[in-house]
């Protein structure tokens, strides 16, 4: 399993980052070359940051590459994907132009997870700040006071799915593991 995982990290590390326009590509073509024209979801950006931070922690031999990709991914999240009114957008085009500025629970949960994992791997304070900011956005903007839990997005779209709540629970636990601050379990207790 480790050999397969290392091969996967090797392949993605060579192909995932768009060195021309920035950001992780959304998908690979059948020949494993990056599809540089596909739009990019914020959740994929956060998941790649998480994955390469985890690869580093697992002992993947490409540790310097992992650190570089995590740093680039955090730069992209921090500088290109923020919504002007707080939080992060949903989808951008390859050049980083916003295609869908919806702010949803799902993306923000993965931003928490990515930031917590990058912080535990590299002690990167910016990663922790991003995770905490995403958690604060969820608490302030997506809390459902009437029924508990969290709205899917600012428009209170229905149905309210279990999947984003489950990922938020996972992300909250990761954030607590990173900080050991009981306040970081608030979201987990309310998910």
N, C-alpha and C. Protein backbone atom coordinates (compact mmCIF):
# COMPACT_ATOMS: atom_id res chain seq x y z
N UNK A 1 0.83 -1.19 0.00
CA UNK A 1 0.00 0.00 0.00
C UNK A 1 0.87 1.26 0.00
N UNK A 2 1.98 1.21 0.75
CA UNK A 2 2.86 2.38 0.81
C UNK A 2 3.48 2.66 -0.55
N UNK A 3 3.88 1.61 -1.27
CA UNK A 3 4.46 1.82 -2.61
C UNK A 3 3.44 2.49 -3.54
N UNK A 4 2.20 2.03 -3.48
CA UNK A 4 1.15 2.64 -4.31
C UNK A 4 0.96 4.10 -3.93
N UNK A 5 0.89 4.36 -2.62
CA UNK A 5 0.69 5.72 -2.15
C UNK A 5 1.85 6.62 -2.57
N UNK A 6 3.05 6.17 -2.43
CA UNK A 6 4.22 6.97 -2.83
C UNK A 6 4.19 7.26 -4.33
N UNK A 7 3.82 6.25 -5.13
CA UNK A 7 3.71 6.48 -6.59
C UNK A 7 2.64 7.53 -6.88
N UNK A 8 1.54 7.46 -6.18
CA UNK A 8 0.47 8.45 -6.39
C UNK A 8 0.95 9.85 -6.03
N UNK A 9 1.61 9.97 -4.89
CA UNK A 9 2.13 11.29 -4.50
C UNK A 9 3.19 11.77 -5.50
N UNK A 10 4.02 10.87 -5.98
CA UNK A 10 5.02 11.26 -6.98
C UNK A 10 4.34 11.80 -8.25
N UNK A 11 3.34 11.08 -8.73
CA UNK A 11 2.65 11.49 -9.95
C UNK A 11 1.93 12.83 -9.76
N UNK A 12 1.19 12.96 -8.66
CA UNK A 12 0.45 14.20 -8.41
C UNK A 12 1.40 15.36 -8.15
N UNK A 13 2.51 15.11 -7.50
CA UNK A 13 3.44 16.21 -7.22
C UNK A 13 4.05 16.77 -8.51
N UNK A 14 4.17 15.93 -9.52
CA UNK A 14 4.71 16.40 -10.82
C UNK A 14 3.65 17.09 -11.67
N UNK A 15 2.38 16.77 -11.45
CA UNK A 15 1.33 17.21 -12.38
C UNK A 15 0.26 18.11 -11.79
N UNK A 16 0.13 18.18 -10.49
CA UNK A 16 -1.03 18.86 -9.90
C UNK A 16 -0.92 20.38 -9.87
N UNK A 17 0.27 20.91 -9.68
CA UNK A 17 0.39 22.36 -9.54
C UNK A 17 0.55 23.02 -10.90
N UNK A 18 -0.25 24.04 -11.17
CA UNK A 18 -0.16 24.80 -12.42
C UNK A 18 0.93 25.86 -12.24
N UNK A 19 2.08 25.61 -12.81
CA UNK A 19 3.21 26.52 -12.65
C UNK A 19 3.05 27.81 -13.43
N UNK A 20 2.10 27.86 -14.35
CA UNK A 20 1.87 29.06 -15.15
C UNK A 20 0.88 30.00 -14.46
N UNK A 21 -0.29 29.47 -14.08
CA UNK A 21 -1.36 30.32 -13.54
C UNK A 21 -1.57 30.15 -12.04
N UNK A 22 -0.89 29.20 -11.44
CA UNK A 22 -1.08 28.94 -10.03
C UNK A 22 -2.28 28.06 -9.77
N UNK A 23 -2.34 27.52 -8.59
CA UNK A 23 -3.44 26.66 -8.20
C UNK A 23 -3.21 25.21 -8.61
N UNK A 24 -3.88 24.33 -7.91
CA UNK A 24 -3.84 22.92 -8.26
C UNK A 24 -4.86 22.68 -9.36
N UNK A 25 -4.49 21.87 -10.35
CA UNK A 25 -5.43 21.54 -11.41
C UNK A 25 -6.53 20.67 -10.82
N UNK A 26 -7.67 20.73 -11.44
CA UNK A 26 -8.84 20.00 -10.97
C UNK A 26 -8.76 18.52 -11.33
N UNK A 27 -8.12 18.23 -12.45
CA UNK A 27 -8.13 16.85 -12.94
C UNK A 27 -6.94 16.61 -13.86
N UNK A 28 -6.69 15.32 -14.09
CA UNK A 28 -5.66 14.91 -15.03
C UNK A 28 -6.34 14.29 -16.25
N UNK A 29 -5.69 14.41 -17.39
CA UNK A 29 -6.16 13.75 -18.61
C UNK A 29 -5.83 12.26 -18.51
N UNK A 30 -6.32 11.49 -19.44
CA UNK A 30 -6.10 10.04 -19.41
C UNK A 30 -4.62 9.66 -19.46
N UNK A 31 -3.78 10.52 -20.02
CA UNK A 31 -2.34 10.23 -20.07
C UNK A 31 -1.60 10.83 -18.86
N UNK A 32 -2.35 11.23 -17.85
CA UNK A 32 -1.83 11.79 -16.59
C UNK A 32 -1.24 13.19 -16.74
N UNK A 33 -1.47 13.84 -17.87
CA UNK A 33 -1.05 15.23 -17.99
C UNK A 33 -2.13 16.11 -17.36
N UNK A 34 -1.75 17.25 -16.81
CA UNK A 34 -2.75 18.09 -16.15
C UNK A 34 -3.73 18.72 -17.14
N UNK A 35 -4.99 18.75 -16.78
CA UNK A 35 -6.00 19.47 -17.56
C UNK A 35 -5.98 20.90 -17.05
N UNK A 36 -5.30 21.77 -17.75
CA UNK A 36 -5.11 23.15 -17.31
C UNK A 36 -6.28 24.06 -17.67
N UNK A 37 -7.29 23.54 -18.40
CA UNK A 37 -8.41 24.39 -18.81
C UNK A 37 -9.66 24.18 -17.95
N UNK A 38 -9.67 23.17 -17.11
CA UNK A 38 -10.84 22.91 -16.25
C UNK A 38 -10.90 23.95 -15.13
N UNK A 39 -12.12 24.35 -14.79
CA UNK A 39 -12.31 25.23 -13.64
C UNK A 39 -11.81 24.54 -12.38
N UNK A 40 -11.60 25.32 -11.33
CA UNK A 40 -11.02 24.79 -10.10
C UNK A 40 -11.92 25.08 -8.91
N UNK A 41 -12.27 24.00 -8.23
CA UNK A 41 -13.07 24.14 -7.02
C UNK A 41 -12.15 24.41 -5.84
N UNK A 42 -12.61 25.24 -4.94
CA UNK A 42 -11.83 25.56 -3.75
C UNK A 42 -11.61 24.32 -2.90
N UNK A 43 -12.59 23.43 -2.86
CA UNK A 43 -12.44 22.21 -2.07
C UNK A 43 -11.24 21.39 -2.56
N UNK A 44 -10.99 21.36 -3.85
CA UNK A 44 -9.84 20.62 -4.38
C UNK A 44 -8.54 21.28 -3.96
N UNK A 45 -8.52 22.61 -3.96
CA UNK A 45 -7.31 23.31 -3.52
C UNK A 45 -6.99 22.95 -2.06
N UNK A 46 -8.02 22.97 -1.22
CA UNK A 46 -7.82 22.65 0.19
C UNK A 46 -7.43 21.18 0.38
N UNK A 47 -8.05 20.30 -0.39
CA UNK A 47 -7.73 18.87 -0.24
C UNK A 47 -6.31 18.56 -0.68
N UNK A 48 -5.81 19.26 -1.68
CA UNK A 48 -4.42 19.04 -2.09
C UNK A 48 -3.46 19.53 -1.01
N UNK A 49 -3.76 20.68 -0.41
CA UNK A 49 -2.93 21.15 0.71
C UNK A 49 -2.93 20.10 1.81
N UNK A 50 -4.11 19.61 2.18
CA UNK A 50 -4.21 18.58 3.20
C UNK A 50 -3.40 17.34 2.81
N UNK A 51 -3.57 16.88 1.57
CA UNK A 51 -2.92 15.64 1.13
C UNK A 51 -1.40 15.73 1.17
N UNK A 52 -0.85 16.84 0.71
CA UNK A 52 0.61 16.94 0.71
C UNK A 52 1.16 17.19 2.11
N UNK A 53 0.39 17.85 2.97
CA UNK A 53 0.81 17.97 4.37
C UNK A 53 0.80 16.59 5.03
N UNK A 54 -0.22 15.80 4.73
CA UNK A 54 -0.29 14.44 5.28
C UNK A 54 0.83 13.57 4.71
N UNK A 55 1.14 13.72 3.42
CA UNK A 55 2.24 12.96 2.82
C UNK A 55 3.54 13.25 3.57
N UNK A 56 3.77 14.50 3.88
CA UNK A 56 4.96 14.90 4.64
C UNK A 56 4.98 14.18 5.98
N UNK A 57 3.85 14.20 6.68
CA UNK A 57 3.78 13.57 8.00
C UNK A 57 3.93 12.05 7.93
N UNK A 58 3.52 11.46 6.81
CA UNK A 58 3.64 10.01 6.65
C UNK A 58 5.05 9.57 6.28
N UNK A 59 5.92 10.54 5.97
CA UNK A 59 7.30 10.19 5.62
C UNK A 59 7.56 10.02 4.14
N UNK A 60 6.66 10.52 3.30
CA UNK A 60 6.90 10.45 1.86
C UNK A 60 8.28 11.02 1.55
N UNK A 61 9.08 10.35 0.72
CA UNK A 61 10.44 10.83 0.43
C UNK A 61 10.51 12.22 -0.21
N UNK A 62 9.44 12.70 -0.78
CA UNK A 62 9.44 14.02 -1.40
C UNK A 62 9.07 15.13 -0.42
N UNK A 63 9.66 15.12 0.75
CA UNK A 63 9.26 16.06 1.80
C UNK A 63 9.44 17.52 1.39
N UNK A 64 10.52 17.85 0.72
CA UNK A 64 10.72 19.24 0.28
C UNK A 64 9.65 19.65 -0.73
N UNK A 65 9.32 18.73 -1.62
CA UNK A 65 8.26 18.99 -2.61
C UNK A 65 6.93 19.18 -1.90
N UNK A 66 6.64 18.32 -0.93
CA UNK A 66 5.39 18.43 -0.18
C UNK A 66 5.30 19.80 0.50
N UNK A 67 6.37 20.21 1.13
CA UNK A 67 6.37 21.51 1.82
C UNK A 67 6.16 22.64 0.82
N UNK A 68 6.81 22.57 -0.31
CA UNK A 68 6.66 23.60 -1.34
C UNK A 68 5.22 23.65 -1.86
N UNK A 69 4.62 22.50 -2.14
CA UNK A 69 3.26 22.47 -2.66
C UNK A 69 2.25 22.97 -1.62
N UNK A 70 2.46 22.63 -0.37
CA UNK A 70 1.58 23.13 0.69
C UNK A 70 1.69 24.65 0.77
N UNK A 71 2.90 25.16 0.72
CA UNK A 71 3.09 26.61 0.78
C UNK A 71 2.43 27.30 -0.40
N UNK A 72 2.62 26.77 -1.60
CA UNK A 72 1.97 27.34 -2.79
C UNK A 72 0.44 27.27 -2.66
N UNK A 73 -0.06 26.13 -2.18
CA UNK A 73 -1.50 25.98 -2.02
C UNK A 73 -2.08 26.95 -1.01
N UNK A 74 -1.37 27.16 0.10
CA UNK A 74 -1.83 28.14 1.09
C UNK A 74 -1.79 29.55 0.51
N UNK A 75 -0.75 29.86 -0.26
CA UNK A 75 -0.68 31.17 -0.93
C UNK A 75 -1.90 31.37 -1.81
N UNK A 76 -2.23 30.36 -2.59
CA UNK A 76 -3.36 30.44 -3.52
C UNK A 76 -4.67 30.63 -2.77
N UNK A 77 -4.89 29.83 -1.73
CA UNK A 77 -6.10 29.98 -0.91
C UNK A 77 -6.17 31.37 -0.31
N UNK A 78 -5.06 31.83 0.21
CA UNK A 78 -5.01 33.09 0.94
C UNK A 78 -5.11 34.31 0.03
N UNK A 79 -4.53 34.23 -1.14
CA UNK A 79 -4.42 35.41 -2.00
C UNK A 79 -5.40 35.44 -3.17
N UNK A 80 -5.84 34.29 -3.65
CA UNK A 80 -6.66 34.25 -4.87
C UNK A 80 -8.11 33.83 -4.65
N UNK A 81 -8.39 33.14 -3.57
CA UNK A 81 -9.69 32.49 -3.44
C UNK A 81 -10.60 33.08 -2.37
N UNK A 82 -10.19 34.15 -1.79
CA UNK A 82 -11.01 34.78 -0.76
C UNK A 82 -12.19 35.53 -1.38
N UNK A 83 -13.28 35.50 -0.67
CA UNK A 83 -14.46 36.28 -1.07
C UNK A 83 -14.30 37.68 -0.49
N UNK A 84 -14.70 38.68 -1.23
CA UNK A 84 -14.54 40.07 -0.79
C UNK A 84 -15.28 40.37 0.50
N UNK A 85 -16.32 39.59 0.81
CA UNK A 85 -17.13 39.83 2.01
C UNK A 85 -16.85 38.83 3.12
N UNK A 86 -15.75 38.12 3.03
CA UNK A 86 -15.38 37.15 4.05
C UNK A 86 -15.54 35.72 3.57
N UNK A 87 -14.73 34.85 4.08
CA UNK A 87 -14.75 33.46 3.67
C UNK A 87 -14.08 33.26 2.32
N UNK A 88 -14.39 32.14 1.70
CA UNK A 88 -13.78 31.77 0.43
C UNK A 88 -14.85 31.47 -0.61
N UNK A 89 -14.51 31.68 -1.87
CA UNK A 89 -15.44 31.44 -2.96
C UNK A 89 -15.54 29.94 -3.25
N UNK A 90 -16.34 29.59 -4.22
CA UNK A 90 -16.62 28.18 -4.53
C UNK A 90 -15.79 27.66 -5.72
N UNK A 91 -15.82 28.37 -6.85
CA UNK A 91 -15.14 27.92 -8.07
C UNK A 91 -14.49 29.10 -8.77
N UNK A 92 -13.27 28.87 -9.29
CA UNK A 92 -12.58 29.86 -10.11
C UNK A 92 -12.19 29.22 -11.44
N UNK A 93 -11.91 30.06 -12.43
CA UNK A 93 -11.40 29.53 -13.68
C UNK A 93 -9.89 29.33 -13.55
N UNK A 94 -9.22 28.76 -14.54
CA UNK A 94 -7.79 28.50 -14.42
C UNK A 94 -6.94 29.75 -14.14
N UNK A 95 -7.42 30.91 -14.56
CA UNK A 95 -6.68 32.16 -14.31
C UNK A 95 -6.99 32.74 -12.93
N UNK A 96 -7.87 32.10 -12.18
CA UNK A 96 -8.21 32.57 -10.85
C UNK A 96 -9.40 33.52 -10.81
N UNK A 97 -10.09 33.71 -11.94
CA UNK A 97 -11.28 34.56 -11.97
C UNK A 97 -12.45 33.79 -11.37
N UNK A 98 -13.19 34.45 -10.51
CA UNK A 98 -14.30 33.78 -9.82
C UNK A 98 -15.40 33.41 -10.81
N UNK A 99 -15.79 32.15 -10.79
CA UNK A 99 -16.89 31.62 -11.60
C UNK A 99 -18.15 31.51 -10.74
N UNK A 100 -17.97 31.08 -9.49
CA UNK A 100 -19.09 30.92 -8.56
C UNK A 100 -18.63 31.43 -7.20
N UNK A 101 -19.23 32.51 -6.73
CA UNK A 101 -18.78 33.10 -5.47
C UNK A 101 -19.58 32.61 -4.25
N UNK A 102 -20.33 31.52 -4.43
CA UNK A 102 -21.07 30.93 -3.32
C UNK A 102 -20.06 30.58 -2.21
N UNK A 103 -20.47 30.79 -0.98
CA UNK A 103 -19.65 30.41 0.17
C UNK A 103 -20.39 29.31 0.91
N UNK A 104 -19.80 28.12 0.91
CA UNK A 104 -20.53 26.97 1.45
C UNK A 104 -19.80 26.29 2.59
N UNK A 105 -20.57 25.55 3.35
CA UNK A 105 -20.05 24.79 4.49
C UNK A 105 -18.99 23.78 4.04
N UNK A 106 -19.24 23.11 2.93
CA UNK A 106 -18.35 22.06 2.45
C UNK A 106 -16.93 22.59 2.22
N UNK A 107 -16.78 23.67 1.47
CA UNK A 107 -15.45 24.23 1.20
C UNK A 107 -14.78 24.70 2.49
N UNK A 108 -15.55 25.36 3.32
CA UNK A 108 -14.96 25.91 4.54
C UNK A 108 -14.51 24.81 5.50
N UNK A 109 -15.22 23.69 5.52
CA UNK A 109 -14.77 22.56 6.33
C UNK A 109 -13.41 22.05 5.84
N UNK A 110 -13.25 21.95 4.54
CA UNK A 110 -11.97 21.46 4.01
C UNK A 110 -10.85 22.47 4.19
N UNK A 111 -11.19 23.75 4.22
CA UNK A 111 -10.16 24.75 4.50
C UNK A 111 -9.67 24.60 5.94
N UNK A 112 -10.58 24.33 6.87
CA UNK A 112 -10.17 24.07 8.25
C UNK A 112 -9.25 22.85 8.30
N UNK A 113 -9.65 21.77 7.64
CA UNK A 113 -8.86 20.54 7.64
C UNK A 113 -7.48 20.78 7.05
N UNK A 114 -7.42 21.48 5.93
CA UNK A 114 -6.13 21.76 5.28
C UNK A 114 -5.24 22.61 6.18
N UNK A 115 -5.81 23.65 6.76
CA UNK A 115 -5.02 24.51 7.63
C UNK A 115 -4.52 23.78 8.86
N UNK A 116 -5.36 22.96 9.47
CA UNK A 116 -4.95 22.20 10.66
C UNK A 116 -3.84 21.22 10.32
N UNK A 117 -3.98 20.54 9.19
CA UNK A 117 -2.96 19.55 8.80
C UNK A 117 -1.64 20.23 8.46
N UNK A 118 -1.70 21.34 7.73
CA UNK A 118 -0.47 22.07 7.38
C UNK A 118 0.20 22.62 8.63
N UNK A 119 -0.61 23.05 9.58
CA UNK A 119 -0.03 23.56 10.82
C UNK A 119 0.68 22.45 11.59
N UNK A 120 0.04 21.28 11.70
CA UNK A 120 0.69 20.20 12.45
C UNK A 120 1.92 19.66 11.72
N UNK A 121 1.93 19.72 10.41
CA UNK A 121 3.09 19.23 9.65
C UNK A 121 4.26 20.20 9.71
N UNK A 122 3.98 21.50 9.57
CA UNK A 122 5.05 22.49 9.37
C UNK A 122 5.09 23.61 10.39
N UNK A 123 4.16 23.60 11.35
CA UNK A 123 4.05 24.70 12.32
C UNK A 123 3.90 26.04 11.61
N UNK A 124 3.16 26.03 10.51
CA UNK A 124 2.92 27.21 9.69
C UNK A 124 1.78 28.02 10.32
N UNK A 125 2.12 29.16 10.91
CA UNK A 125 1.12 29.98 11.60
C UNK A 125 0.03 30.48 10.66
N UNK A 126 0.40 30.76 9.41
CA UNK A 126 -0.62 31.22 8.46
C UNK A 126 -1.64 30.12 8.22
N UNK A 127 -1.20 28.88 8.12
CA UNK A 127 -2.13 27.76 7.94
C UNK A 127 -3.12 27.70 9.10
N UNK A 128 -2.62 27.86 10.31
CA UNK A 128 -3.50 27.85 11.47
C UNK A 128 -4.46 29.03 11.43
N UNK A 129 -3.97 30.20 11.05
CA UNK A 129 -4.83 31.38 10.95
C UNK A 129 -5.95 31.18 9.94
N UNK A 130 -5.62 30.57 8.80
CA UNK A 130 -6.64 30.29 7.78
C UNK A 130 -7.69 29.33 8.33
N UNK A 131 -7.24 28.28 9.02
CA UNK A 131 -8.18 27.32 9.60
C UNK A 131 -9.10 28.00 10.62
N UNK A 132 -8.53 28.80 11.49
CA UNK A 132 -9.32 29.48 12.51
C UNK A 132 -10.28 30.50 11.89
N UNK A 133 -9.83 31.18 10.85
CA UNK A 133 -10.70 32.14 10.16
C UNK A 133 -11.87 31.44 9.50
N UNK A 134 -11.63 30.29 8.90
CA UNK A 134 -12.71 29.53 8.27
C UNK A 134 -13.70 29.05 9.33
N UNK A 135 -13.20 28.59 10.46
CA UNK A 135 -14.08 28.15 11.54
C UNK A 135 -14.93 29.32 12.05
N UNK A 136 -14.32 30.47 12.18
CA UNK A 136 -15.06 31.65 12.63
C UNK A 136 -16.13 32.05 11.62
N UNK A 137 -15.81 31.97 10.32
CA UNK A 137 -16.81 32.27 9.29
C UNK A 137 -18.01 31.33 9.44
N UNK A 138 -17.76 30.06 9.64
CA UNK A 138 -18.84 29.09 9.78
C UNK A 138 -19.69 29.43 11.00
N UNK A 139 -19.03 29.69 12.13
CA UNK A 139 -19.79 30.01 13.35
C UNK A 139 -20.63 31.27 13.19
N UNK A 140 -20.07 32.28 12.54
CA UNK A 140 -20.78 33.56 12.42
C UNK A 140 -21.80 33.59 11.30
N UNK A 141 -21.56 32.85 10.22
CA UNK A 141 -22.39 33.02 9.02
C UNK A 141 -23.27 31.83 8.67
N UNK A 142 -22.94 30.64 9.15
CA UNK A 142 -23.66 29.46 8.70
C UNK A 142 -24.39 28.71 9.81
N UNK A 143 -24.33 29.21 11.03
CA UNK A 143 -25.01 28.54 12.14
C UNK A 143 -26.52 28.61 11.98
N UNK A 144 -27.17 27.50 12.21
CA UNK A 144 -28.64 27.44 12.20
C UNK A 144 -29.11 27.50 13.64
N UNK A 145 -29.50 28.69 14.06
CA UNK A 145 -29.93 28.89 15.44
C UNK A 145 -31.22 28.13 15.76
N UNK A 146 -32.10 28.02 14.76
CA UNK A 146 -33.41 27.40 15.00
C UNK A 146 -33.33 25.90 15.22
N UNK A 147 -32.56 25.22 14.39
CA UNK A 147 -32.57 23.75 14.42
C UNK A 147 -31.24 23.13 14.80
N UNK A 148 -30.22 23.95 14.99
CA UNK A 148 -28.89 23.41 15.27
C UNK A 148 -28.19 23.03 13.98
N UNK A 149 -26.95 22.71 14.10
CA UNK A 149 -26.17 22.36 12.92
C UNK A 149 -25.84 23.60 12.11
N UNK A 150 -25.66 23.38 10.83
CA UNK A 150 -25.12 24.42 9.97
C UNK A 150 -25.86 24.45 8.64
N UNK A 151 -26.04 25.65 8.12
CA UNK A 151 -26.61 25.78 6.79
C UNK A 151 -25.59 25.38 5.74
N UNK A 152 -26.07 24.91 4.60
CA UNK A 152 -25.20 24.51 3.49
C UNK A 152 -24.41 25.69 2.94
N UNK A 153 -25.05 26.86 2.92
CA UNK A 153 -24.44 28.06 2.34
C UNK A 153 -25.19 29.27 2.88
N UNK A 154 -24.80 30.44 2.44
CA UNK A 154 -25.44 31.66 2.93
C UNK A 154 -26.89 31.79 2.49
N UNK A 155 -27.28 31.09 1.42
CA UNK A 155 -28.65 31.12 0.94
C UNK A 155 -29.53 30.10 1.66
N UNK A 156 -28.97 29.37 2.59
CA UNK A 156 -29.70 28.35 3.36
C UNK A 156 -30.31 27.30 2.44
N UNK A 157 -29.55 26.88 1.44
CA UNK A 157 -30.02 25.89 0.46
C UNK A 157 -30.45 24.60 1.14
N UNK A 158 -31.45 23.99 0.54
CA UNK A 158 -31.94 22.69 1.00
C UNK A 158 -31.71 21.67 -0.08
N UNK A 159 -31.57 20.42 0.25
CA UNK A 159 -31.61 19.89 1.60
C UNK A 159 -30.29 20.17 2.34
N UNK A 160 -30.35 20.09 3.64
CA UNK A 160 -29.14 20.17 4.44
C UNK A 160 -28.59 18.76 4.52
N UNK A 161 -27.43 18.57 3.91
CA UNK A 161 -26.86 17.23 3.76
C UNK A 161 -25.96 16.85 4.93
N UNK A 162 -25.86 15.56 5.16
CA UNK A 162 -25.00 15.04 6.22
C UNK A 162 -23.52 15.17 5.85
N UNK A 163 -23.20 15.04 4.56
CA UNK A 163 -21.80 15.00 4.14
C UNK A 163 -21.00 16.25 4.57
N UNK A 164 -21.46 17.47 4.30
CA UNK A 164 -20.70 18.63 4.77
C UNK A 164 -20.57 18.67 6.29
N UNK A 165 -21.63 18.24 6.99
CA UNK A 165 -21.57 18.22 8.46
C UNK A 165 -20.52 17.21 8.93
N UNK A 166 -20.46 16.05 8.27
CA UNK A 166 -19.48 15.04 8.65
C UNK A 166 -18.06 15.55 8.43
N UNK A 167 -17.84 16.23 7.28
CA UNK A 167 -16.51 16.77 7.03
C UNK A 167 -16.17 17.90 8.00
N UNK A 168 -17.16 18.66 8.41
CA UNK A 168 -16.93 19.70 9.40
C UNK A 168 -16.56 19.08 10.74
N UNK A 169 -17.22 18.01 11.13
CA UNK A 169 -16.86 17.30 12.36
C UNK A 169 -15.41 16.83 12.29
N UNK A 170 -15.04 16.21 11.19
CA UNK A 170 -13.66 15.74 10.98
C UNK A 170 -12.68 16.91 11.07
N UNK A 171 -13.00 18.02 10.41
CA UNK A 171 -12.11 19.18 10.40
C UNK A 171 -11.98 19.78 11.79
N UNK A 172 -13.08 19.84 12.53
CA UNK A 172 -13.05 20.39 13.88
C UNK A 172 -12.17 19.55 14.79
N UNK A 173 -12.27 18.26 14.67
CA UNK A 173 -11.42 17.37 15.47
C UNK A 173 -9.95 17.56 15.11
N UNK A 174 -9.66 17.73 13.82
CA UNK A 174 -8.28 17.97 13.39
C UNK A 174 -7.76 19.31 13.93
N UNK A 175 -8.62 20.31 13.93
CA UNK A 175 -8.23 21.61 14.46
C UNK A 175 -7.93 21.51 15.95
N UNK A 176 -8.76 20.80 16.67
CA UNK A 176 -8.52 20.61 18.10
C UNK A 176 -7.20 19.87 18.33
N UNK A 177 -6.95 18.83 17.54
CA UNK A 177 -5.68 18.11 17.68
C UNK A 177 -4.49 19.01 17.43
N UNK A 178 -4.65 19.96 16.52
CA UNK A 178 -3.55 20.87 16.20
C UNK A 178 -3.33 21.90 17.30
N UNK A 179 -4.40 22.37 17.92
CA UNK A 179 -4.27 23.48 18.87
C UNK A 179 -4.38 23.07 20.34
N UNK A 180 -5.07 21.97 20.59
CA UNK A 180 -5.40 21.54 21.96
C UNK A 180 -6.23 22.59 22.69
N UNK A 181 -6.90 23.45 21.94
CA UNK A 181 -7.75 24.48 22.52
C UNK A 181 -9.19 23.96 22.55
N UNK A 182 -9.78 23.79 23.73
CA UNK A 182 -11.15 23.27 23.81
C UNK A 182 -12.16 24.09 23.01
N UNK A 183 -11.91 25.38 22.83
CA UNK A 183 -12.82 26.22 22.04
C UNK A 183 -12.93 25.73 20.60
N UNK A 184 -11.87 25.07 20.10
CA UNK A 184 -11.87 24.59 18.72
C UNK A 184 -12.75 23.37 18.54
N UNK A 185 -13.29 22.83 19.63
CA UNK A 185 -14.24 21.73 19.55
C UNK A 185 -15.68 22.21 19.50
N UNK A 186 -15.88 23.52 19.58
CA UNK A 186 -17.24 24.07 19.60
C UNK A 186 -18.04 23.60 18.39
N UNK A 187 -17.43 23.70 17.21
CA UNK A 187 -18.14 23.29 15.99
C UNK A 187 -18.43 21.79 16.02
N UNK A 188 -17.47 21.00 16.50
CA UNK A 188 -17.67 19.56 16.54
C UNK A 188 -18.86 19.20 17.45
N UNK A 189 -18.98 19.90 18.54
CA UNK A 189 -20.07 19.63 19.48
C UNK A 189 -21.42 20.03 18.90
N UNK A 190 -21.41 20.95 17.95
CA UNK A 190 -22.67 21.44 17.38
C UNK A 190 -22.97 20.83 16.02
N UNK A 191 -22.10 19.97 15.52
CA UNK A 191 -22.29 19.38 14.18
C UNK A 191 -23.25 18.22 14.22
